[in-house]
Protein backbone atom coordinates (compact mmCIF):
# COMPACT_ATOMS: atom_id res chain seq x y z
CA UNK A 1 127.22 99.17 -43.58
CA UNK A 2 126.17 102.81 -43.72
CA UNK A 3 125.76 105.41 -41.05
CA UNK A 4 122.13 106.56 -40.96
CA UNK A 5 121.14 109.92 -39.49
CA UNK A 6 118.04 111.55 -38.17
CA UNK A 7 117.67 115.33 -38.54
CA UNK A 8 118.90 116.38 -35.07
CA UNK A 9 122.65 115.72 -35.26
CA UNK A 10 122.84 117.19 -38.77
CA UNK A 11 121.12 120.39 -37.66
CA UNK A 12 123.02 120.73 -34.39
CA UNK A 13 126.47 120.04 -35.81
CA UNK A 14 125.82 122.42 -38.70
CA UNK A 15 124.65 125.11 -36.26
CA UNK A 16 128.02 125.00 -34.48
CA UNK A 17 129.95 124.66 -37.77
CA UNK A 18 131.16 121.12 -36.98
CA UNK A 19 129.19 119.15 -39.58
CA UNK A 20 132.41 117.98 -41.22
CA UNK A 21 133.28 115.81 -38.20
CA UNK A 22 130.59 113.41 -39.43
CA UNK A 23 132.54 112.92 -42.66
CA UNK A 24 135.78 112.50 -40.73
CA UNK A 25 134.34 109.94 -38.30
CA UNK A 26 131.81 108.04 -40.40
CA UNK A 27 132.68 108.74 -44.05
CA UNK A 28 129.30 108.71 -45.74
CA UNK A 29 126.02 109.44 -44.00
CA UNK A 30 122.65 108.28 -45.32
CA UNK A 31 119.34 110.08 -44.77
CA UNK A 32 115.79 109.50 -45.96
CA UNK A 33 114.01 112.08 -48.15
CA UNK A 34 111.84 113.22 -45.22
CA UNK A 35 114.98 114.13 -43.23
CA UNK A 36 116.32 116.05 -46.23
CA UNK A 37 113.01 117.90 -46.45
CA UNK A 38 113.03 118.72 -42.73
CA UNK A 39 116.68 119.78 -42.56
CA UNK A 40 117.41 121.31 -45.96
CA UNK A 41 114.18 122.28 -47.73
CA UNK A 42 112.36 123.67 -44.69
CA UNK A 43 115.57 125.06 -43.20
CA UNK A 44 116.38 127.05 -46.34
CA UNK A 45 112.76 128.17 -46.63
CA UNK A 46 112.94 129.77 -43.17
CA UNK A 47 116.50 131.06 -43.61
CA UNK A 48 118.57 128.74 -41.40
CA UNK A 49 122.27 128.77 -42.30
CA UNK A 50 122.71 125.22 -41.04
CA UNK A 51 120.46 124.02 -43.87
CA UNK A 52 122.88 125.47 -46.42
CA UNK A 53 125.78 123.60 -44.79
CA UNK A 54 123.88 120.30 -44.95
CA UNK A 55 122.93 120.95 -48.58
CA UNK A 56 126.62 121.57 -49.28
CA UNK A 57 127.54 118.19 -47.76
CA UNK A 58 124.91 116.58 -49.98
CA UNK A 59 126.37 118.31 -53.03
CA UNK A 60 129.84 117.06 -52.01
CA UNK A 61 128.34 113.56 -51.94
CA UNK A 62 129.10 112.45 -48.40
CA UNK A 63 125.51 112.89 -47.22
CA UNK A 64 123.34 110.73 -49.45
CA UNK A 65 119.59 110.33 -49.73
CA UNK A 66 118.29 106.78 -49.78
CA UNK A 67 114.65 106.51 -50.71
CA UNK A 68 112.82 103.91 -48.64
CA UNK A 69 111.00 101.10 -50.39
CA UNK A 70 107.21 100.87 -50.26
CA UNK A 71 107.62 98.13 -47.68
CA UNK A 72 109.71 100.40 -45.43
CA UNK A 73 107.21 103.23 -45.86
CA UNK A 74 104.35 100.93 -44.89
CA UNK A 75 106.23 99.58 -41.84
CA UNK A 76 107.25 103.14 -40.90
CA UNK A 77 103.65 104.34 -40.82
CA UNK A 78 102.72 101.46 -38.52
CA UNK A 79 105.75 102.03 -36.28
CA UNK A 80 105.09 105.79 -36.13
CA UNK A 81 101.51 105.15 -35.05
CA UNK A 82 102.40 102.39 -32.57
CA UNK A 83 105.35 104.21 -30.95
CA UNK A 84 104.04 107.79 -31.27
CA UNK A 85 107.03 108.99 -33.31
CA UNK A 86 107.13 110.86 -36.61
CA UNK A 87 106.99 108.99 -39.91
CA UNK A 88 110.38 110.50 -40.73
CA UNK A 89 111.87 109.04 -37.55
CA UNK A 90 110.25 105.67 -38.20
CA UNK A 91 111.53 105.55 -41.80
CA UNK A 92 115.02 106.45 -40.64
CA UNK A 93 114.97 103.76 -37.96
CA UNK A 94 113.63 101.01 -40.21
CA UNK A 95 116.07 101.93 -42.98
CA UNK A 96 118.96 101.78 -40.49
CA UNK A 97 117.86 98.37 -39.32
CA UNK A 98 117.33 97.03 -42.85
CA UNK A 99 120.69 98.36 -44.05
CA UNK A 100 122.42 97.04 -40.90
CA UNK A 101 123.74 100.51 -40.17
CA UNK A 102 127.11 100.70 -38.48
CA UNK A 103 125.86 103.79 -36.62
CA UNK A 104 122.51 105.47 -36.03
CA UNK A 105 122.61 109.21 -35.32
CA UNK A 106 119.80 110.82 -33.35
CA UNK A 107 119.28 113.33 -30.56
CA UNK A 108 115.78 112.14 -29.68
CA UNK A 109 115.61 109.94 -26.61
CA UNK A 110 112.52 107.89 -27.65
CA UNK A 111 114.08 107.20 -31.05
CA UNK A 112 117.41 106.38 -29.44
CA UNK A 113 115.73 103.88 -27.12
CA UNK A 114 113.93 102.19 -30.02
CA UNK A 115 117.17 102.05 -32.03
CA UNK A 116 118.95 100.38 -29.12
CA UNK A 117 116.11 97.84 -28.88
CA UNK A 118 116.71 97.13 -32.58
CA UNK A 119 120.37 96.48 -31.81
CA UNK A 120 121.71 99.63 -33.48
CA UNK A 121 124.76 101.51 -32.24
CA UNK A 122 123.40 104.96 -31.33
CA UNK A 123 125.32 108.23 -31.42
CA UNK A 124 124.06 111.70 -30.51
CA UNK A 125 125.52 115.16 -31.06
CA UNK A 126 127.47 115.00 -27.80
CA UNK A 127 128.95 111.53 -28.32
CA UNK A 128 129.93 112.56 -31.85
CA UNK A 129 131.69 115.67 -30.52
CA UNK A 130 133.46 113.67 -27.82
CA UNK A 131 134.64 111.16 -30.44
CA UNK A 132 135.85 114.08 -32.58
CA UNK A 133 137.80 115.35 -29.56
CA UNK A 134 139.31 111.89 -28.96
CA UNK A 135 140.28 111.74 -32.65
CA UNK A 136 141.80 115.25 -32.37
CA UNK A 137 139.42 116.67 -34.96
CA UNK A 138 138.34 119.38 -32.52
CA UNK A 139 139.69 120.63 -29.20
CA UNK A 140 138.28 120.94 -25.72
CA UNK A 141 137.22 124.56 -26.22
CA UNK A 142 134.97 123.41 -29.09
CA UNK A 143 133.04 121.25 -26.61
CA UNK A 144 132.55 124.20 -24.27
CA UNK A 145 131.45 126.40 -27.16
CA UNK A 146 128.99 123.73 -28.32
CA UNK A 147 127.51 123.53 -24.83
CA UNK A 148 127.22 127.31 -24.69
CA UNK A 149 125.71 127.59 -28.15
CA UNK A 150 123.56 124.48 -28.32
CA UNK A 151 123.13 123.14 -24.85
CA UNK A 152 121.63 126.08 -23.13
CA UNK A 153 119.72 127.56 -26.09
CA UNK A 154 118.34 124.83 -28.29
CA UNK A 155 119.31 121.40 -27.10
CA UNK A 156 117.55 121.28 -23.72
CA UNK A 157 120.76 120.18 -22.04
CA UNK A 158 120.52 119.92 -18.27
CA UNK A 159 123.32 121.53 -16.24
CA UNK A 160 124.35 118.18 -14.76
CA UNK A 161 124.57 116.68 -18.27
CA UNK A 162 126.67 119.63 -19.44
CA UNK A 163 129.00 119.11 -16.49
CA UNK A 164 129.32 115.40 -17.28
CA UNK A 165 130.14 116.15 -20.94
CA UNK A 166 132.79 118.68 -19.85
CA UNK A 167 134.24 116.18 -17.36
CA UNK A 168 134.58 113.56 -20.11
CA UNK A 169 136.03 116.18 -22.48
CA UNK A 170 138.67 117.13 -19.89
CA UNK A 171 139.58 113.48 -19.44
CA UNK A 172 139.90 112.95 -23.20
CA UNK A 173 141.97 116.13 -23.57
CA UNK A 174 144.30 115.02 -20.76
CA UNK A 175 144.71 111.63 -22.40
CA UNK A 176 145.42 113.27 -25.79
CA UNK A 177 148.09 115.49 -24.23
CA UNK A 178 149.77 112.57 -22.45
CA UNK A 179 150.30 110.64 -25.69
């Protein structure tokens, strides 16, 4: 069962130079061609360094592109229209459901809600980083730096959410130190 990702977590983790935690936690990550286009092709076109990091992970082989079938594409167009989400998001969601994904990665709340309705286990950038902290792949200061770099600039993170993430990070760090 693969891990299927939307664009958001790939972009955000690459922006803070923590993309490799996906490989450490999930092994391989699957994306649809539209996500590759959004993250890599368009990102490189406009000069985003994070796009180069994601392309590198694809070249290493742990981020793979899985082209949706015609049936998935047809269902995705209907879902996108019915739920007012992008075709890329709909393809990613339907692919994850069809492939019985072990994890679905997204930072978009509407997509996350739909994925949960489909019975998928949803992760976002923050839950991935907290898992990386629990697994000792990163340390507590990395969480604070991510909040500073992503949360207040690009990720629309509310102050109360940032405080909750830091509270959980402190708890995880304390638990790690007590072992």
